[in-house]
């Protein structure tokens, strides 16, 4: 299953061991999910995760970013005219549309259903619950 992780999900995965976000990242590491990105998303992941205010261990961040660069499916999405509350979120929606992926975000209000019709948007908890149920999210 193709999955696009909003940056806040990656940050939470690196901050909170054992939480829903970490579980999603673990499933990707195990090869049970395919993370999908483009160059803009990778650049944002790096910019945010290396921000000193987050106080992440640099080696942990480098390992995570190397994993993403090496294993994530890269796509070149078509531009979207979607009217999102935060235009900086557009790359995540565009990649999800292009890859027929689900989008997992801690900020569902940034991806209104009326705008993201073709993309299924889940909170981390909703996505983990769907996976537990065994349904195709």
C-alpha atoms as a PDB file:
ATOM      1  CA  UNK A   1       0.000   0.000   0.000  1.00  0.00           C
ATOM      2  CA  UNK A   2       1.316   3.433  -0.930  1.00  0.00           C
ATOM      3  CA  UNK A   3       1.347   5.981   1.868  1.00  0.00           C
ATOM      4  CA  UNK A   4       2.283   9.647   1.964  1.00  0.00           C
ATOM      5  CA  UNK A   5       3.313  10.870   5.404  1.00  0.00           C
ATOM      6  CA  UNK A   6       2.794  14.497   6.257  1.00  0.00           C
ATOM      7  CA  UNK A   7       5.906  15.933   7.881  1.00  0.00           C
ATOM      8  CA  UNK A   8       4.188  16.109  11.266  1.00  0.00           C
ATOM      9  CA  UNK A   9       3.753  12.325  11.200  1.00  0.00           C
ATOM     10  CA  UNK A  10       7.444  11.755  10.526  1.00  0.00           C
ATOM     11  CA  UNK A  11       8.387  14.175  13.310  1.00  0.00           C
ATOM     12  CA  UNK A  12       6.042  12.417  15.725  1.00  0.00           C
ATOM     13  CA  UNK A  13       7.431   9.023  14.699  1.00  0.00           C
ATOM     14  CA  UNK A  14      10.929  10.174  15.552  1.00  0.00           C
ATOM     15  CA  UNK A  15       9.845  11.816  18.831  1.00  0.00           C
ATOM     16  CA  UNK A  16       7.441   9.262  20.282  1.00  0.00           C
ATOM     17  CA  UNK A  17       8.590   5.674  20.392  1.00  0.00           C
ATOM     18  CA  UNK A  18       5.695   3.237  20.374  1.00  0.00           C
ATOM     19  CA  UNK A  19       3.047   5.753  19.252  1.00  0.00           C
ATOM     20  CA  UNK A  20       0.842   5.467  16.184  1.00  0.00           C
ATOM     21  CA  UNK A  21       3.234   7.478  14.027  1.00  0.00           C
ATOM     22  CA  UNK A  22       6.182   5.311  15.065  1.00  0.00           C
ATOM     23  CA  UNK A  23       4.110   2.200  14.308  1.00  0.00           C
ATOM     24  CA  UNK A  24       3.427   3.476  10.785  1.00  0.00           C
ATOM     25  CA  UNK A  25       7.115   4.178  10.202  1.00  0.00           C
ATOM     26  CA  UNK A  26       7.970   0.724  11.591  1.00  0.00           C
ATOM     27  CA  UNK A  27       5.588  -0.882   9.084  1.00  0.00           C
ATOM     28  CA  UNK A  28       7.395   0.957   6.286  1.00  0.00           C
ATOM     29  CA  UNK A  29      10.769  -0.193   7.617  1.00  0.00           C
ATOM     30  CA  UNK A  30       9.423  -3.760   7.654  1.00  0.00           C
ATOM     31  CA  UNK A  31       8.369  -3.347   4.016  1.00  0.00           C
ATOM     32  CA  UNK A  32       4.662  -3.667   4.763  1.00  0.00           C
ATOM     33  CA  UNK A  33       3.932  -0.114   3.544  1.00  0.00           C
ATOM     34  CA  UNK A  34       5.491   1.830   0.700  1.00  0.00           C
ATOM     35  CA  UNK A  35       6.220   5.419   1.565  1.00  0.00           C
ATOM     36  CA  UNK A  36       5.761   7.711  -1.406  1.00  0.00           C
ATOM     37  CA  UNK A  37       7.503  11.058  -1.853  1.00  0.00           C
ATOM     38  CA  UNK A  38       8.767  13.586  -4.314  1.00  0.00           C
ATOM     39  CA  UNK A  39      11.801  15.835  -4.075  1.00  0.00           C
ATOM     40  CA  UNK A  40       9.819  18.619  -2.394  1.00  0.00           C
ATOM     41  CA  UNK A  41       8.642  16.298   0.376  1.00  0.00           C
ATOM     42  CA  UNK A  42      12.126  14.902   0.969  1.00  0.00           C
ATOM     43  CA  UNK A  43      13.482  18.447   1.179  1.00  0.00           C
ATOM     44  CA  UNK A  44      10.815  19.422   3.710  1.00  0.00           C
ATOM     45  CA  UNK A  45      11.451  16.304   5.806  1.00  0.00           C
ATOM     46  CA  UNK A  46      15.137  17.187   5.923  1.00  0.00           C
ATOM     47  CA  UNK A  47      14.594  20.881   6.638  1.00  0.00           C
ATOM     48  CA  UNK A  48      12.163  20.228   9.474  1.00  0.00           C
ATOM     49  CA  UNK A  49      13.880  17.231  11.058  1.00  0.00           C
ATOM     50  CA  UNK A  50      17.265  18.962  11.116  1.00  0.00           C
ATOM     51  CA  UNK A  51      15.826  22.078  12.765  1.00  0.00           C
ATOM     52  CA  UNK A  52      17.798  22.443  16.010  1.00  0.00           C
ATOM     53  CA  UNK A  53      14.653  23.495  17.886  1.00  0.00           C
ATOM     54  CA  UNK A  54      13.413  19.908  17.657  1.00  0.00           C
ATOM     55  CA  UNK A  55      16.559  18.687  19.422  1.00  0.00           C
ATOM     56  CA  UNK A  56      16.658  15.417  17.527  1.00  0.00           C
ATOM     57  CA  UNK A  57      19.710  13.232  17.665  1.00  0.00           C
ATOM     58  CA  UNK A  58      21.491  14.004  14.379  1.00  0.00           C
ATOM     59  CA  UNK A  59      22.358  10.336  13.760  1.00  0.00           C
ATOM     60  CA  UNK A  60      18.727   9.271  14.202  1.00  0.00           C
ATOM     61  CA  UNK A  61      17.592  11.897  11.730  1.00  0.00           C
ATOM     62  CA  UNK A  62      20.285  10.963   9.200  1.00  0.00           C
ATOM     63  CA  UNK A  63      19.330   7.286   9.480  1.00  0.00           C
ATOM     64  CA  UNK A  64      15.653   8.092   8.927  1.00  0.00           C
ATOM     65  CA  UNK A  65      16.365  10.403   5.994  1.00  0.00           C
ATOM     66  CA  UNK A  66      18.741   7.873   4.402  1.00  0.00           C
ATOM     67  CA  UNK A  67      16.057   5.197   4.760  1.00  0.00           C
ATOM     68  CA  UNK A  68      13.530   7.439   3.043  1.00  0.00           C
ATOM     69  CA  UNK A  69      15.902   8.401   0.238  1.00  0.00           C
ATOM     70  CA  UNK A  70      16.814   4.746  -0.339  1.00  0.00           C
ATOM     71  CA  UNK A  71      13.408   3.077  -0.072  1.00  0.00           C
ATOM     72  CA  UNK A  72      10.580   5.523  -0.657  1.00  0.00           C
ATOM     73  CA  UNK A  73       8.872   5.394  -4.020  1.00  0.00           C
ATOM     74  CA  UNK A  74       9.515   8.652  -5.828  1.00  0.00           C
ATOM     75  CA  UNK A  75       6.939  10.149  -8.111  1.00  0.00           C
ATOM     76  CA  UNK A  76       6.731  13.243 -10.247  1.00  0.00           C
ATOM     77  CA  UNK A  77       3.194  14.426  -9.633  1.00  0.00           C
ATOM     78  CA  UNK A  78       1.000  16.564 -11.796  1.00  0.00           C
ATOM     79  CA  UNK A  79       0.224  19.998 -10.393  1.00  0.00           C
ATOM     80  CA  UNK A  80      -3.026  20.284  -8.485  1.00  0.00           C
ATOM     81  CA  UNK A  81      -5.309  23.271  -8.337  1.00  0.00           C
ATOM     82  CA  UNK A  82      -6.650  22.069  -4.985  1.00  0.00           C
ATOM     83  CA  UNK A  83      -7.594  24.921  -2.713  1.00  0.00           C
ATOM     84  CA  UNK A  84      -5.972  23.832   0.549  1.00  0.00           C
ATOM     85  CA  UNK A  85      -5.987  25.950   3.715  1.00  0.00           C
ATOM     86  CA  UNK A  86      -2.170  25.847   3.662  1.00  0.00           C
ATOM     87  CA  UNK A  87      -0.719  25.900   0.123  1.00  0.00           C
ATOM     88  CA  UNK A  88       2.524  24.410   1.500  1.00  0.00           C
ATOM     89  CA  UNK A  89       0.597  21.138   1.945  1.00  0.00           C
ATOM     90  CA  UNK A  90      -0.057  20.839  -1.795  1.00  0.00           C
ATOM     91  CA  UNK A  91       2.973  18.554  -2.505  1.00  0.00           C
ATOM     92  CA  UNK A  92       1.583  15.916  -0.131  1.00  0.00           C
ATOM     93  CA  UNK A  93      -1.794  15.907  -1.854  1.00  0.00           C
ATOM     94  CA  UNK A  94      -0.234  15.924  -5.333  1.00  0.00           C
ATOM     95  CA  UNK A  95       2.007  12.958  -4.523  1.00  0.00           C
ATOM     96  CA  UNK A  96      -0.880  11.036  -2.965  1.00  0.00           C
ATOM     97  CA  UNK A  97      -3.020  11.673  -6.051  1.00  0.00           C
ATOM     98  CA  UNK A  98      -0.263  10.609  -8.441  1.00  0.00           C
ATOM     99  CA  UNK A  99       0.655   7.448  -6.509  1.00  0.00           C
ATOM    100  CA  UNK A 100      -2.911   6.416  -5.605  1.00  0.00           C
ATOM    101  CA  UNK A 101      -1.720   6.620  -2.012  1.00  0.00           C
ATOM    102  CA  UNK A 102      -3.392   7.330   1.269  1.00  0.00           C
ATOM    103  CA  UNK A 103      -2.303  10.467   3.077  1.00  0.00           C
ATOM    104  CA  UNK A 104      -1.597  10.300   6.798  1.00  0.00           C
ATOM    105  CA  UNK A 105      -1.508  13.598   8.663  1.00  0.00           C
ATOM    106  CA  UNK A 106      -1.837  14.948  12.154  1.00  0.00           C
ATOM    107  CA  UNK A 107      -3.659  17.937  10.654  1.00  0.00           C
ATOM    108  CA  UNK A 108      -6.693  16.562   8.830  1.00  0.00           C
ATOM    109  CA  UNK A 109      -8.268  20.022   8.771  1.00  0.00           C
ATOM    110  CA  UNK A 110      -5.485  21.011   6.350  1.00  0.00           C
ATOM    111  CA  UNK A 111      -6.839  18.428   3.874  1.00  0.00           C
ATOM    112  CA  UNK A 112     -10.626  18.963   3.666  1.00  0.00           C
ATOM    113  CA  UNK A 113     -12.576  16.085   2.142  1.00  0.00           C
ATOM    114  CA  UNK A 114     -14.283  18.416  -0.352  1.00  0.00           C
ATOM    115  CA  UNK A 115     -10.856  19.304  -1.755  1.00  0.00           C
ATOM    116  CA  UNK A 116      -9.168  15.899  -1.471  1.00  0.00           C
ATOM    117  CA  UNK A 117     -11.951  13.828  -2.991  1.00  0.00           C
ATOM    118  CA  UNK A 118      -9.731  11.290  -4.750  1.00  0.00           C
ATOM    119  CA  UNK A 119      -7.341  10.882  -1.807  1.00  0.00           C
ATOM    120  CA  UNK A 120      -8.197   9.106   1.411  1.00  0.00           C
ATOM    121  CA  UNK A 121      -6.881  11.173   4.330  1.00  0.00           C
ATOM    122  CA  UNK A 122      -6.345   9.578   7.743  1.00  0.00           C
ATOM    123  CA  UNK A 123      -5.065  10.682  11.097  1.00  0.00           C
ATOM    124  CA  UNK A 124      -2.321   8.359  12.377  1.00  0.00           C
ATOM    125  CA  UNK A 125      -4.753   6.762  14.849  1.00  0.00           C
ATOM    126  CA  UNK A 126      -7.392   6.217  12.136  1.00  0.00           C
ATOM    127  CA  UNK A 127      -4.830   4.690   9.800  1.00  0.00           C
ATOM    128  CA  UNK A 128      -3.449   2.309  12.426  1.00  0.00           C
ATOM    129  CA  UNK A 129      -7.014   1.283  13.307  1.00  0.00           C
ATOM    130  CA  UNK A 130      -7.815   0.592   9.637  1.00  0.00           C
ATOM    131  CA  UNK A 131      -4.688  -1.547   9.381  1.00  0.00           C
ATOM    132  CA  UNK A 132      -5.647  -3.446  12.547  1.00  0.00           C
ATOM    133  CA  UNK A 133      -9.093  -4.145  11.106  1.00  0.00           C
ATOM    134  CA  UNK A 134      -7.393  -5.567   8.059  1.00  0.00           C
ATOM    135  CA  UNK A 135      -9.231  -3.306   5.667  1.00  0.00           C
ATOM    136  CA  UNK A 136      -7.489  -1.748   2.745  1.00  0.00           C
ATOM    137  CA  UNK A 137      -7.222   1.800   4.022  1.00  0.00           C
END
